[in-house]
């Protein structure tokens, strides 16, 4: 592991502090960057995520995609966790904490909004950042791509009725622009760029050239991750400073959900003897969230300043530190999975 990877948790902590600080020192700059968006997809963040996703896409071999069907366990586990377990446990945790545990700390009217935001997060499995977590855990690029693609396809049909059922709302309009733009930016464009780069490198020096190139650009990918953290916390720094108690309360069920879902998926993958390069990304997909979609729906249903929108934003802020801790755990436990090398 290089310097960046070895002390990644330290760099992320610094990036959080720097992001909040810069957000307070240069609010105009961060306001302009926050406005650089369309359909709730922020292009400044999208560019950085693209820079993180592209290196992993270079490792995708089209021929290996055909072999995914021969190893269905990872896909089955991903789909069961994401669509039959995660949305319902998130809803249950939201009700438990905001209707009971935190009932004396917040007004009852606000509680409903926070629960709604948590439900939206739980019903939107990750599309973009899972490629980053997969790369950091040495995941199988082709299998991760297949997992995300199948999830996105199911999301098109299942997200609206599932959210409508859990929220008790009959009319959920899927923000198609957000969904399609996100998939295009985070999956299609990096995949095409990665395939083109891989072909050029293979022609130049074979598989060794691919490995050497991805090793060289890995620090830039980590730098993109840190800059993403700076931006996210810079955008929301004022909210964090003004409402620290509410942010902390919303974070509690999200943290329990994240670590609980990861433990369930990762443990099931180990028990089912799924290889680590499939098991780790499988668990990461269920743990992280498609926050652009969740934020967009929260704003459209409840308004920009609603508790639901705030809850989805807290999900964004919590995700990166949590996922990096799980990446570290997955890397430390790689040797317990079949066929893994330390």
C-alpha atoms as a PDB file:
ATOM      1  CA  UNK A   1       0.000   0.000   0.000  1.00  0.00           C
ATOM      2  CA  UNK A   2       1.204   3.476  -0.857  1.00  0.00           C
ATOM      3  CA  UNK A   3       1.352   6.465   1.447  1.00  0.00           C
ATOM      4  CA  UNK A   4      -2.093   7.689   0.424  1.00  0.00           C
ATOM      5  CA  UNK A   5      -3.786   4.341   1.028  1.00  0.00           C
ATOM      6  CA  UNK A   6      -1.962   3.553   4.282  1.00  0.00           C
ATOM      7  CA  UNK A   7      -3.125   6.763   5.959  1.00  0.00           C
ATOM      8  CA  UNK A   8      -6.384   7.237   4.049  1.00  0.00           C
ATOM      9  CA  UNK A   9      -8.481   7.679   7.197  1.00  0.00           C
ATOM     10  CA  UNK A  10      -6.194  10.542   8.298  1.00  0.00           C
ATOM     11  CA  UNK A  11      -6.454  12.273   4.912  1.00  0.00           C
ATOM     12  CA  UNK A  12     -10.244  11.921   4.923  1.00  0.00           C
ATOM     13  CA  UNK A  13     -10.475  13.431   8.422  1.00  0.00           C
ATOM     14  CA  UNK A  14      -8.353  16.358   7.252  1.00  0.00           C
ATOM     15  CA  UNK A  15     -10.471  16.703   4.110  1.00  0.00           C
ATOM     16  CA  UNK A  16     -13.625  16.930   6.251  1.00  0.00           C
ATOM     17  CA  UNK A  17     -12.126  19.699   8.403  1.00  0.00           C
ATOM     18  CA  UNK A  18     -10.757  21.516   5.345  1.00  0.00           C
ATOM     19  CA  UNK A  19     -14.090  21.231   3.549  1.00  0.00           C
ATOM     20  CA  UNK A  20     -16.061  22.712   6.444  1.00  0.00           C
ATOM     21  CA  UNK A  21     -13.443  25.429   6.914  1.00  0.00           C
ATOM     22  CA  UNK A  22     -13.300  26.406   3.237  1.00  0.00           C
ATOM     23  CA  UNK A  23     -17.082  26.397   3.085  1.00  0.00           C
ATOM     24  CA  UNK A  24     -17.132  29.034   5.820  1.00  0.00           C
ATOM     25  CA  UNK A  25     -14.222  31.053   4.414  1.00  0.00           C
ATOM     26  CA  UNK A  26     -15.387  31.040   0.773  1.00  0.00           C
ATOM     27  CA  UNK A  27     -19.163  30.583   0.784  1.00  0.00           C
ATOM     28  CA  UNK A  28     -19.510  32.255  -2.605  1.00  0.00           C
ATOM     29  CA  UNK A  29     -17.178  29.759  -4.274  1.00  0.00           C
ATOM     30  CA  UNK A  30     -18.952  26.748  -2.802  1.00  0.00           C
ATOM     31  CA  UNK A  31     -22.331  28.247  -3.613  1.00  0.00           C
ATOM     32  CA  UNK A  32     -21.272  28.588  -7.245  1.00  0.00           C
ATOM     33  CA  UNK A  33     -19.982  25.016  -7.305  1.00  0.00           C
ATOM     34  CA  UNK A  34     -23.208  23.789  -5.683  1.00  0.00           C
ATOM     35  CA  UNK A  35     -25.207  25.535  -8.425  1.00  0.00           C
ATOM     36  CA  UNK A  36     -23.150  23.747 -11.098  1.00  0.00           C
ATOM     37  CA  UNK A  37     -25.712  20.967 -11.343  1.00  0.00           C
ATOM     38  CA  UNK A  38     -28.650  19.624 -13.276  1.00  0.00           C
ATOM     39  CA  UNK A  39     -31.431  17.370 -11.952  1.00  0.00           C
ATOM     40  CA  UNK A  40     -29.676  17.203  -8.563  1.00  0.00           C
ATOM     41  CA  UNK A  41     -26.492  15.846 -10.189  1.00  0.00           C
ATOM     42  CA  UNK A  42     -23.602  18.129  -9.266  1.00  0.00           C
ATOM     43  CA  UNK A  43     -21.126  18.194 -12.133  1.00  0.00           C
ATOM     44  CA  UNK A  44     -18.154  19.240  -9.983  1.00  0.00           C
ATOM     45  CA  UNK A  45     -18.649  16.137  -7.833  1.00  0.00           C
ATOM     46  CA  UNK A  46     -19.443  14.068 -10.933  1.00  0.00           C
ATOM     47  CA  UNK A  47     -16.112  14.970 -12.545  1.00  0.00           C
ATOM     48  CA  UNK A  48     -14.236  13.869  -9.436  1.00  0.00           C
ATOM     49  CA  UNK A  49     -16.227  10.640  -9.199  1.00  0.00           C
ATOM     50  CA  UNK A  50     -15.534  10.012 -12.887  1.00  0.00           C
ATOM     51  CA  UNK A  51     -11.835  10.396 -12.183  1.00  0.00           C
ATOM     52  CA  UNK A  52     -12.141   7.785  -9.420  1.00  0.00           C
ATOM     53  CA  UNK A  53     -14.242   5.342 -11.441  1.00  0.00           C
ATOM     54  CA  UNK A  54     -12.253   5.473 -14.693  1.00  0.00           C
ATOM     55  CA  UNK A  55      -9.154   3.613 -13.377  1.00  0.00           C
ATOM     56  CA  UNK A  56     -11.289   0.649 -12.327  1.00  0.00           C
ATOM     57  CA  UNK A  57     -13.054   0.559 -15.677  1.00  0.00           C
ATOM     58  CA  UNK A  58      -9.677   0.105 -17.340  1.00  0.00           C
ATOM     59  CA  UNK A  59      -9.580  -3.307 -15.654  1.00  0.00           C
ATOM     60  CA  UNK A  60     -12.862  -4.445 -17.238  1.00  0.00           C
ATOM     61  CA  UNK A  61     -12.470  -7.155 -19.861  1.00  0.00           C
ATOM     62  CA  UNK A  62     -15.540  -7.568 -22.039  1.00  0.00           C
ATOM     63  CA  UNK A  63     -14.872 -11.294 -22.343  1.00  0.00           C
ATOM     64  CA  UNK A  64     -15.040 -11.695 -18.564  1.00  0.00           C
ATOM     65  CA  UNK A  65     -18.536 -10.187 -18.453  1.00  0.00           C
ATOM     66  CA  UNK A  66     -19.819 -13.348 -20.151  1.00  0.00           C
ATOM     67  CA  UNK A  67     -18.500 -15.412 -17.238  1.00  0.00           C
ATOM     68  CA  UNK A  68     -20.509 -13.535 -14.594  1.00  0.00           C
ATOM     69  CA  UNK A  69     -23.556 -15.739 -15.252  1.00  0.00           C
ATOM     70  CA  UNK A  70     -21.439 -18.763 -14.324  1.00  0.00           C
ATOM     71  CA  UNK A  71     -20.947 -17.284 -10.825  1.00  0.00           C
ATOM     72  CA  UNK A  72     -24.450 -16.155  -9.825  1.00  0.00           C
ATOM     73  CA  UNK A  73     -24.003 -16.208  -6.031  1.00  0.00           C
ATOM     74  CA  UNK A  74     -22.730 -12.638  -5.777  1.00  0.00           C
ATOM     75  CA  UNK A  75     -25.564 -11.277  -7.902  1.00  0.00           C
ATOM     76  CA  UNK A  76     -28.178 -13.220  -5.956  1.00  0.00           C
ATOM     77  CA  UNK A  77     -26.840 -11.969  -2.628  1.00  0.00           C
ATOM     78  CA  UNK A  78     -26.686  -8.370  -3.857  1.00  0.00           C
ATOM     79  CA  UNK A  79     -30.284  -8.429  -5.048  1.00  0.00           C
ATOM     80  CA  UNK A  80     -31.648 -10.069  -1.896  1.00  0.00           C
ATOM     81  CA  UNK A  81     -29.892  -7.600   0.411  1.00  0.00           C
ATOM     82  CA  UNK A  82     -30.651  -4.499  -1.666  1.00  0.00           C
ATOM     83  CA  UNK A  83     -34.308  -5.118  -2.418  1.00  0.00           C
ATOM     84  CA  UNK A  84     -35.684  -7.577   0.151  1.00  0.00           C
ATOM     85  CA  UNK A  85     -33.835  -6.483   3.302  1.00  0.00           C
ATOM     86  CA  UNK A  86     -32.188  -3.057   3.222  1.00  0.00           C
ATOM     87  CA  UNK A  87     -35.215  -0.795   2.504  1.00  0.00           C
ATOM     88  CA  UNK A  88     -37.258  -2.429   5.264  1.00  0.00           C
ATOM     89  CA  UNK A  89     -34.534  -2.381   7.918  1.00  0.00           C
ATOM     90  CA  UNK A  90     -33.865   1.309   7.176  1.00  0.00           C
ATOM     91  CA  UNK A  91     -37.561   2.103   7.557  1.00  0.00           C
ATOM     92  CA  UNK A  92     -37.715   0.123  10.803  1.00  0.00           C
ATOM     93  CA  UNK A  93     -34.670   1.902  12.223  1.00  0.00           C
ATOM     94  CA  UNK A  94     -36.110   5.288  11.263  1.00  0.00           C
ATOM     95  CA  UNK A  95     -39.358   4.564  13.107  1.00  0.00           C
ATOM     96  CA  UNK A  96     -37.524   3.095  16.102  1.00  0.00           C
ATOM     97  CA  UNK A  97     -35.240   6.078  16.629  1.00  0.00           C
ATOM     98  CA  UNK A  98     -37.420   9.021  15.601  1.00  0.00           C
ATOM     99  CA  UNK A  99     -40.701   7.741  16.995  1.00  0.00           C
ATOM    100  CA  UNK A 100     -39.295   6.291  20.211  1.00  0.00           C
ATOM    101  CA  UNK A 101     -35.598   6.661  21.115  1.00  0.00           C
ATOM    102  CA  UNK A 102     -35.295  10.331  20.068  1.00  0.00           C
ATOM    103  CA  UNK A 103     -38.946  11.239  20.662  1.00  0.00           C
ATOM    104  CA  UNK A 104     -38.118  13.691  23.453  1.00  0.00           C
ATOM    105  CA  UNK A 105     -35.392  15.456  21.504  1.00  0.00           C
ATOM    106  CA  UNK A 106     -37.245  16.535  18.367  1.00  0.00           C
ATOM    107  CA  UNK A 107     -40.789  17.669  17.516  1.00  0.00           C
ATOM    108  CA  UNK A 108     -43.070  14.884  16.316  1.00  0.00           C
ATOM    109  CA  UNK A 109     -43.779  16.787  13.084  1.00  0.00           C
ATOM    110  CA  UNK A 110     -40.080  16.795  12.185  1.00  0.00           C
ATOM    111  CA  UNK A 111     -39.708  13.100  12.919  1.00  0.00           C
ATOM    112  CA  UNK A 112     -41.872  12.127   9.948  1.00  0.00           C
ATOM    113  CA  UNK A 113     -39.591  14.002   7.574  1.00  0.00           C
ATOM    114  CA  UNK A 114     -36.435  12.382   8.890  1.00  0.00           C
ATOM    115  CA  UNK A 115     -38.007   8.925   8.625  1.00  0.00           C
ATOM    116  CA  UNK A 116     -39.001   9.661   5.015  1.00  0.00           C
ATOM    117  CA  UNK A 117     -35.448  10.701   4.148  1.00  0.00           C
ATOM    118  CA  UNK A 118     -34.027   7.535   5.666  1.00  0.00           C
ATOM    119  CA  UNK A 119     -36.477   5.420   3.678  1.00  0.00           C
ATOM    120  CA  UNK A 120     -35.406   7.127   0.464  1.00  0.00           C
ATOM    121  CA  UNK A 121     -31.766   6.371   1.249  1.00  0.00           C
ATOM    122  CA  UNK A 122     -32.527   2.746   2.038  1.00  0.00           C
ATOM    123  CA  UNK A 123     -34.387   2.211  -1.233  1.00  0.00           C
ATOM    124  CA  UNK A 124     -31.585   3.554  -3.458  1.00  0.00           C
ATOM    125  CA  UNK A 125     -28.537   1.246  -3.677  1.00  0.00           C
ATOM    126  CA  UNK A 126     -25.245   2.698  -4.871  1.00  0.00           C
ATOM    127  CA  UNK A 127     -24.406   3.302  -8.523  1.00  0.00           C
ATOM    128  CA  UNK A 128     -21.226   5.376  -8.619  1.00  0.00           C
ATOM    129  CA  UNK A 129     -19.045   5.160  -5.526  1.00  0.00           C
ATOM    130  CA  UNK A 130     -19.224   1.373  -5.335  1.00  0.00           C
ATOM    131  CA  UNK A 131     -16.698   1.298  -8.184  1.00  0.00           C
ATOM    132  CA  UNK A 132     -14.305   3.218  -5.942  1.00  0.00           C
ATOM    133  CA  UNK A 133     -14.868   0.884  -2.984  1.00  0.00           C
ATOM    134  CA  UNK A 134     -14.470  -2.117  -5.277  1.00  0.00           C
ATOM    135  CA  UNK A 135     -11.173  -0.800  -6.582  1.00  0.00           C
ATOM    136  CA  UNK A 136      -9.873  -0.187  -3.056  1.00  0.00           C
ATOM    137  CA  UNK A 137     -10.752  -3.782  -2.065  1.00  0.00           C
ATOM    138  CA  UNK A 138      -9.288  -5.296  -5.272  1.00  0.00           C
ATOM    139  CA  UNK A 139     -12.736  -6.271  -6.487  1.00  0.00           C
ATOM    140  CA  UNK A 140     -13.426  -7.976  -9.808  1.00  0.00           C
ATOM    141  CA  UNK A 141     -14.122  -5.020 -12.162  1.00  0.00           C
ATOM    142  CA  UNK A 142     -16.339  -6.970 -14.562  1.00  0.00           C
ATOM    143  CA  UNK A 143     -18.413  -8.520 -11.779  1.00  0.00           C
ATOM    144  CA  UNK A 144     -18.850  -5.167 -10.033  1.00  0.00           C
ATOM    145  CA  UNK A 145     -20.014  -3.650 -13.316  1.00  0.00           C
ATOM    146  CA  UNK A 146     -22.536  -6.477 -13.738  1.00  0.00           C
ATOM    147  CA  UNK A 147     -23.813  -6.044 -10.174  1.00  0.00           C
ATOM    148  CA  UNK A 148     -24.316  -2.305 -10.605  1.00  0.00           C
ATOM    149  CA  UNK A 149     -25.945  -2.717 -14.017  1.00  0.00           C
ATOM    150  CA  UNK A 150     -28.453  -5.287 -12.753  1.00  0.00           C
ATOM    151  CA  UNK A 151     -29.216  -3.121  -9.715  1.00  0.00           C
ATOM    152  CA  UNK A 152     -29.817  -0.056 -11.873  1.00  0.00           C
ATOM    153  CA  UNK A 153     -32.129  -2.000 -14.162  1.00  0.00           C
ATOM    154  CA  UNK A 154     -34.194  -3.233 -11.221  1.00  0.00           C
ATOM    155  CA  UNK A 155     -34.218   0.254  -9.708  1.00  0.00           C
ATOM    156  CA  UNK A 156     -35.984   1.626 -12.790  1.00  0.00           C
ATOM    157  CA  UNK A 157     -38.983  -0.625 -12.096  1.00  0.00           C
ATOM    158  CA  UNK A 158     -38.921  -1.155  -8.327  1.00  0.00           C
ATOM    159  CA  UNK A 159     -37.829   2.130  -6.735  1.00  0.00           C
ATOM    160  CA  UNK A 160     -41.085   4.068  -7.132  1.00  0.00           C
ATOM    161  CA  UNK A 161     -43.525   1.360  -5.944  1.00  0.00           C
ATOM    162  CA  UNK A 162     -41.216   0.370  -3.079  1.00  0.00           C
ATOM    163  CA  UNK A 163     -40.876   3.964  -1.838  1.00  0.00           C
ATOM    164  CA  UNK A 164     -44.617   4.518  -2.289  1.00  0.00           C
ATOM    165  CA  UNK A 165     -45.336   1.451  -0.168  1.00  0.00           C
ATOM    166  CA  UNK A 166     -42.920   2.392   2.636  1.00  0.00           C
ATOM    167  CA  UNK A 167     -43.899   6.075   2.716  1.00  0.00           C
ATOM    168  CA  UNK A 168     -47.592   5.463   2.310  1.00  0.00           C
ATOM    169  CA  UNK A 169     -47.600   7.902  -0.606  1.00  0.00           C
ATOM    170  CA  UNK A 170     -49.498   6.901  -3.726  1.00  0.00           C
ATOM    171  CA  UNK A 171     -47.851   9.139  -6.307  1.00  0.00           C
ATOM    172  CA  UNK A 172     -44.057   8.830  -6.504  1.00  0.00           C
ATOM    173  CA  UNK A 173     -42.573  10.417  -9.607  1.00  0.00           C
ATOM    174  CA  UNK A 174     -39.210   8.889 -10.455  1.00  0.00           C
ATOM    175  CA  UNK A 175     -36.771  11.686 -11.393  1.00  0.00           C
ATOM    176  CA  UNK A 176     -35.762  10.104 -14.673  1.00  0.00           C
ATOM    177  CA  UNK A 177     -33.310  12.874 -15.556  1.00  0.00           C
ATOM    178  CA  UNK A 178     -31.399  12.297 -12.309  1.00  0.00           C
ATOM    179  CA  UNK A 179     -31.396   8.541 -12.798  1.00  0.00           C
ATOM    180  CA  UNK A 180     -30.350   8.577 -16.453  1.00  0.00           C
ATOM    181  CA  UNK A 181     -27.754  11.346 -16.101  1.00  0.00           C
ATOM    182  CA  UNK A 182     -26.192   9.604 -13.101  1.00  0.00           C
ATOM    183  CA  UNK A 183     -25.972   6.241 -14.872  1.00  0.00           C
ATOM    184  CA  UNK A 184     -24.541   7.925 -17.947  1.00  0.00           C
ATOM    185  CA  UNK A 185     -21.937   9.918 -16.032  1.00  0.00           C
ATOM    186  CA  UNK A 186     -20.948   7.271 -13.518  1.00  0.00           C
ATOM    187  CA  UNK A 187     -21.222   4.063 -15.557  1.00  0.00           C
ATOM    188  CA  UNK A 188     -21.465   4.526 -19.332  1.00  0.00           C
ATOM    189  CA  UNK A 189     -18.896   7.286 -19.920  1.00  0.00           C
ATOM    190  CA  UNK A 190     -16.210   5.869 -17.569  1.00  0.00           C
ATOM    191  CA  UNK A 191     -16.775   2.383 -19.030  1.00  0.00           C
ATOM    192  CA  UNK A 192     -16.294   3.571 -22.604  1.00  0.00           C
ATOM    193  CA  UNK A 193     -13.240   5.610 -21.594  1.00  0.00           C
ATOM    194  CA  UNK A 194     -11.831   2.662 -19.654  1.00  0.00           C
ATOM    195  CA  UNK A 195     -12.326   0.212 -22.519  1.00  0.00           C
ATOM    196  CA  UNK A 196     -10.676   2.611 -24.986  1.00  0.00           C
ATOM    197  CA  UNK A 197      -7.741   3.177 -22.620  1.00  0.00           C
ATOM    198  CA  UNK A 198      -7.347  -0.560 -22.018  1.00  0.00           C
ATOM    199  CA  UNK A 199      -7.280  -1.341 -25.732  1.00  0.00           C
ATOM    200  CA  UNK A 200      -4.655   1.347 -26.338  1.00  0.00           C
ATOM    201  CA  UNK A 201      -2.480   0.024 -23.492  1.00  0.00           C
ATOM    202  CA  UNK A 202      -2.838  -3.601 -24.644  1.00  0.00           C
ATOM    203  CA  UNK A 203      -1.706  -2.638 -28.126  1.00  0.00           C
ATOM    204  CA  UNK A 204       1.257  -0.783 -26.693  1.00  0.00           C
ATOM    205  CA  UNK A 205       2.561  -3.256 -24.102  1.00  0.00           C
ATOM    206  CA  UNK A 206       0.064  -5.984 -23.261  1.00  0.00           C
ATOM    207  CA  UNK A 207      -1.442  -6.692 -19.821  1.00  0.00           C
ATOM    208  CA  UNK A 208       1.732  -5.468 -18.092  1.00  0.00           C
ATOM    209  CA  UNK A 209       1.170  -2.003 -19.549  1.00  0.00           C
ATOM    210  CA  UNK A 210      -2.368  -1.971 -18.136  1.00  0.00           C
ATOM    211  CA  UNK A 211      -1.115  -2.881 -14.664  1.00  0.00           C
ATOM    212  CA  UNK A 212       1.693  -0.331 -14.754  1.00  0.00           C
ATOM    213  CA  UNK A 213      -0.644   2.441 -15.911  1.00  0.00           C
ATOM    214  CA  UNK A 214      -3.313   1.791 -13.277  1.00  0.00           C
ATOM    215  CA  UNK A 215      -0.633   1.703 -10.572  1.00  0.00           C
ATOM    216  CA  UNK A 216       0.636   5.106 -11.691  1.00  0.00           C
ATOM    217  CA  UNK A 217      -2.765   6.781 -11.682  1.00  0.00           C
ATOM    218  CA  UNK A 218      -3.986   5.275  -8.406  1.00  0.00           C
ATOM    219  CA  UNK A 219      -2.776   8.279  -6.315  1.00  0.00           C
ATOM    220  CA  UNK A 220      -4.825  10.586  -8.561  1.00  0.00           C
ATOM    221  CA  UNK A 221      -7.890   8.442  -7.912  1.00  0.00           C
ATOM    222  CA  UNK A 222      -7.381   8.782  -4.140  1.00  0.00           C
ATOM    223  CA  UNK A 223      -6.847  12.524  -4.577  1.00  0.00           C
ATOM    224  CA  UNK A 224     -10.191  12.658  -6.389  1.00  0.00           C
ATOM    225  CA  UNK A 225     -11.808  10.939  -3.415  1.00  0.00           C
ATOM    226  CA  UNK A 226     -10.359  13.463  -0.983  1.00  0.00           C
ATOM    227  CA  UNK A 227     -11.437  16.412  -3.118  1.00  0.00           C
ATOM    228  CA  UNK A 228     -14.929  14.927  -3.258  1.00  0.00           C
ATOM    229  CA  UNK A 229     -14.991  14.862   0.546  1.00  0.00           C
ATOM    230  CA  UNK A 230     -13.840  18.493   0.645  1.00  0.00           C
ATOM    231  CA  UNK A 231     -16.642  19.510  -1.714  1.00  0.00           C
ATOM    232  CA  UNK A 232     -19.399  17.555   0.033  1.00  0.00           C
ATOM    233  CA  UNK A 233     -18.536  18.917   3.462  1.00  0.00           C
ATOM    234  CA  UNK A 234     -17.929  22.393   2.053  1.00  0.00           C
ATOM    235  CA  UNK A 235     -21.436  22.388   0.572  1.00  0.00           C
ATOM    236  CA  UNK A 236     -23.027  21.385   3.886  1.00  0.00           C
ATOM    237  CA  UNK A 237     -20.617  22.980   6.366  1.00  0.00           C
ATOM    238  CA  UNK A 238     -23.094  25.657   7.450  1.00  0.00           C
ATOM    239  CA  UNK A 239     -25.809  23.086   8.148  1.00  0.00           C
ATOM    240  CA  UNK A 240     -23.374  20.954  10.158  1.00  0.00           C
ATOM    241  CA  UNK A 241     -22.354  23.932  12.302  1.00  0.00           C
ATOM    242  CA  UNK A 242     -25.893  25.270  12.752  1.00  0.00           C
ATOM    243  CA  UNK A 243     -27.647  21.967  13.554  1.00  0.00           C
ATOM    244  CA  UNK A 244     -25.009  19.592  14.958  1.00  0.00           C
ATOM    245  CA  UNK A 245     -27.469  17.766  17.239  1.00  0.00           C
ATOM    246  CA  UNK A 246     -29.926  16.960  14.447  1.00  0.00           C
ATOM    247  CA  UNK A 247     -27.073  15.859  12.172  1.00  0.00           C
ATOM    248  CA  UNK A 248     -25.797  13.541  14.918  1.00  0.00           C
ATOM    249  CA  UNK A 249     -29.265  12.106  15.594  1.00  0.00           C
ATOM    250  CA  UNK A 250     -29.917  11.379  11.914  1.00  0.00           C
ATOM    251  CA  UNK A 251     -26.486   9.788  11.609  1.00  0.00           C
ATOM    252  CA  UNK A 252     -27.203   7.194  14.319  1.00  0.00           C
ATOM    253  CA  UNK A 253     -29.687   4.983  12.410  1.00  0.00           C
ATOM    254  CA  UNK A 254     -27.680   5.453   9.207  1.00  0.00           C
ATOM    255  CA  UNK A 255     -24.539   4.184  10.941  1.00  0.00           C
ATOM    256  CA  UNK A 256     -26.351   1.203  12.448  1.00  0.00           C
ATOM    257  CA  UNK A 257     -27.912   0.407   9.081  1.00  0.00           C
ATOM    258  CA  UNK A 258     -24.607   0.711   7.219  1.00  0.00           C
ATOM    259  CA  UNK A 259     -22.573  -1.513   9.499  1.00  0.00           C
ATOM    260  CA  UNK A 260     -25.457  -3.942   9.974  1.00  0.00           C
ATOM    261  CA  UNK A 261     -26.129  -4.407   6.262  1.00  0.00           C
ATOM    262  CA  UNK A 262     -22.421  -4.789   5.555  1.00  0.00           C
ATOM    263  CA  UNK A 263     -22.081  -7.421   8.291  1.00  0.00           C
ATOM    264  CA  UNK A 264     -25.078  -9.308   6.922  1.00  0.00           C
ATOM    265  CA  UNK A 265     -23.958  -9.262   3.286  1.00  0.00           C
ATOM    266  CA  UNK A 266     -20.262  -9.839   3.989  1.00  0.00           C
ATOM    267  CA  UNK A 267     -20.990 -12.622   6.476  1.00  0.00           C
ATOM    268  CA  UNK A 268     -23.414 -14.315   4.082  1.00  0.00           C
ATOM    269  CA  UNK A 269     -20.826 -14.091   1.292  1.00  0.00           C
ATOM    270  CA  UNK A 270     -18.235 -15.718   3.539  1.00  0.00           C
ATOM    271  CA  UNK A 271     -20.661 -18.477   4.578  1.00  0.00           C
ATOM    272  CA  UNK A 272     -21.605 -19.055   0.944  1.00  0.00           C
ATOM    273  CA  UNK A 273     -17.909 -19.254  -0.001  1.00  0.00           C
ATOM    274  CA  UNK A 274     -18.071 -16.363  -2.465  1.00  0.00           C
ATOM    275  CA  UNK A 275     -14.573 -15.184  -3.519  1.00  0.00           C
ATOM    276  CA  UNK A 276     -13.407 -11.990  -1.843  1.00  0.00           C
ATOM    277  CA  UNK A 277     -13.109 -10.017  -5.087  1.00  0.00           C
ATOM    278  CA  UNK A 278     -16.875 -10.526  -5.521  1.00  0.00           C
ATOM    279  CA  UNK A 279     -17.920 -10.601  -1.847  1.00  0.00           C
ATOM    280  CA  UNK A 280     -16.429  -7.216  -0.898  1.00  0.00           C
ATOM    281  CA  UNK A 281     -18.075  -5.195  -3.697  1.00  0.00           C
ATOM    282  CA  UNK A 282     -21.294  -7.159  -3.114  1.00  0.00           C
ATOM    283  CA  UNK A 283     -21.400  -5.989   0.503  1.00  0.00           C
ATOM    284  CA  UNK A 284     -20.382  -2.440  -0.458  1.00  0.00           C
ATOM    285  CA  UNK A 285     -23.267  -2.027  -2.936  1.00  0.00           C
ATOM    286  CA  UNK A 286     -25.822  -2.754  -0.256  1.00  0.00           C
ATOM    287  CA  UNK A 287     -24.110  -0.557   2.306  1.00  0.00           C
ATOM    288  CA  UNK A 288     -23.704   2.618   0.245  1.00  0.00           C
ATOM    289  CA  UNK A 289     -26.474   4.659  -1.360  1.00  0.00           C
ATOM    290  CA  UNK A 290     -27.453   6.345  -4.614  1.00  0.00           C
ATOM    291  CA  UNK A 291     -27.623   9.686  -2.822  1.00  0.00           C
ATOM    292  CA  UNK A 292     -28.333  11.832  -5.895  1.00  0.00           C
ATOM    293  CA  UNK A 293     -31.569   9.926  -6.484  1.00  0.00           C
ATOM    294  CA  UNK A 294     -32.529  10.022  -2.794  1.00  0.00           C
ATOM    295  CA  UNK A 295     -31.896  13.778  -2.533  1.00  0.00           C
ATOM    296  CA  UNK A 296     -33.791  14.511  -5.752  1.00  0.00           C
ATOM    297  CA  UNK A 297     -36.885  12.569  -4.650  1.00  0.00           C
ATOM    298  CA  UNK A 298     -36.782  14.078  -1.145  1.00  0.00           C
ATOM    299  CA  UNK A 299     -36.743  17.606  -2.556  1.00  0.00           C
ATOM    300  CA  UNK A 300     -39.482  16.907  -5.104  1.00  0.00           C
ATOM    301  CA  UNK A 301     -41.778  15.286  -2.522  1.00  0.00           C
ATOM    302  CA  UNK A 302     -41.091  17.329   0.611  1.00  0.00           C
ATOM    303  CA  UNK A 303     -39.191  20.473  -0.411  1.00  0.00           C
ATOM    304  CA  UNK A 304     -35.626  21.742  -0.309  1.00  0.00           C
ATOM    305  CA  UNK A 305     -35.678  22.692   3.384  1.00  0.00           C
ATOM    306  CA  UNK A 306     -37.538  19.605   4.591  1.00  0.00           C
ATOM    307  CA  UNK A 307     -36.372  17.103   7.171  1.00  0.00           C
ATOM    308  CA  UNK A 308     -36.420  14.431   4.462  1.00  0.00           C
ATOM    309  CA  UNK A 309     -33.976  16.392   2.314  1.00  0.00           C
ATOM    310  CA  UNK A 310     -31.734  17.003   5.339  1.00  0.00           C
ATOM    311  CA  UNK A 311     -31.715  13.281   6.176  1.00  0.00           C
ATOM    312  CA  UNK A 312     -30.603  12.356   2.662  1.00  0.00           C
ATOM    313  CA  UNK A 313     -27.825  14.955   2.856  1.00  0.00           C
ATOM    314  CA  UNK A 314     -26.620  13.473   6.163  1.00  0.00           C
ATOM    315  CA  UNK A 315     -26.489  10.138   4.339  1.00  0.00           C
ATOM    316  CA  UNK A 316     -24.089  11.711   1.860  1.00  0.00           C
ATOM    317  CA  UNK A 317     -21.852  13.074   4.629  1.00  0.00           C
ATOM    318  CA  UNK A 318     -21.767   9.828   6.600  1.00  0.00           C
ATOM    319  CA  UNK A 319     -21.136   7.564   3.619  1.00  0.00           C
ATOM    320  CA  UNK A 320     -17.491   8.225   2.765  1.00  0.00           C
ATOM    321  CA  UNK A 321     -15.990   7.839   6.272  1.00  0.00           C
ATOM    322  CA  UNK A 322     -18.147   4.771   6.946  1.00  0.00           C
ATOM    323  CA  UNK A 323     -17.328   3.118   3.646  1.00  0.00           C
ATOM    324  CA  UNK A 324     -13.612   3.717   4.079  1.00  0.00           C
ATOM    325  CA  UNK A 325     -13.720   2.009   7.474  1.00  0.00           C
ATOM    326  CA  UNK A 326     -15.449  -0.957   5.829  1.00  0.00           C
ATOM    327  CA  UNK A 327     -12.893  -0.987   3.006  1.00  0.00           C
ATOM    328  CA  UNK A 328     -10.160  -1.255   5.641  1.00  0.00           C
ATOM    329  CA  UNK A 329     -12.019  -4.108   7.371  1.00  0.00           C
ATOM    330  CA  UNK A 330     -12.597  -5.946   4.101  1.00  0.00           C
ATOM    331  CA  UNK A 331      -8.925  -5.679   3.191  1.00  0.00           C
ATOM    332  CA  UNK A 332      -7.831  -6.973   6.600  1.00  0.00           C
ATOM    333  CA  UNK A 333     -10.141  -9.990   6.343  1.00  0.00           C
ATOM    334  CA  UNK A 334      -9.409 -10.907   2.729  1.00  0.00           C
ATOM    335  CA  UNK A 335      -7.459 -13.995   3.725  1.00  0.00           C
ATOM    336  CA  UNK A 336     -10.548 -15.625   5.252  1.00  0.00           C
ATOM    337  CA  UNK A 337     -12.235 -15.990   1.850  1.00  0.00           C
ATOM    338  CA  UNK A 338     -11.641 -18.839  -0.631  1.00  0.00           C
ATOM    339  CA  UNK A 339      -8.891 -18.317  -3.169  1.00  0.00           C
ATOM    340  CA  UNK A 340      -7.857 -14.939  -1.737  1.00  0.00           C
ATOM    341  CA  UNK A 341      -4.300 -13.711  -1.490  1.00  0.00           C
ATOM    342  CA  UNK A 342      -3.254 -11.275   1.196  1.00  0.00           C
END
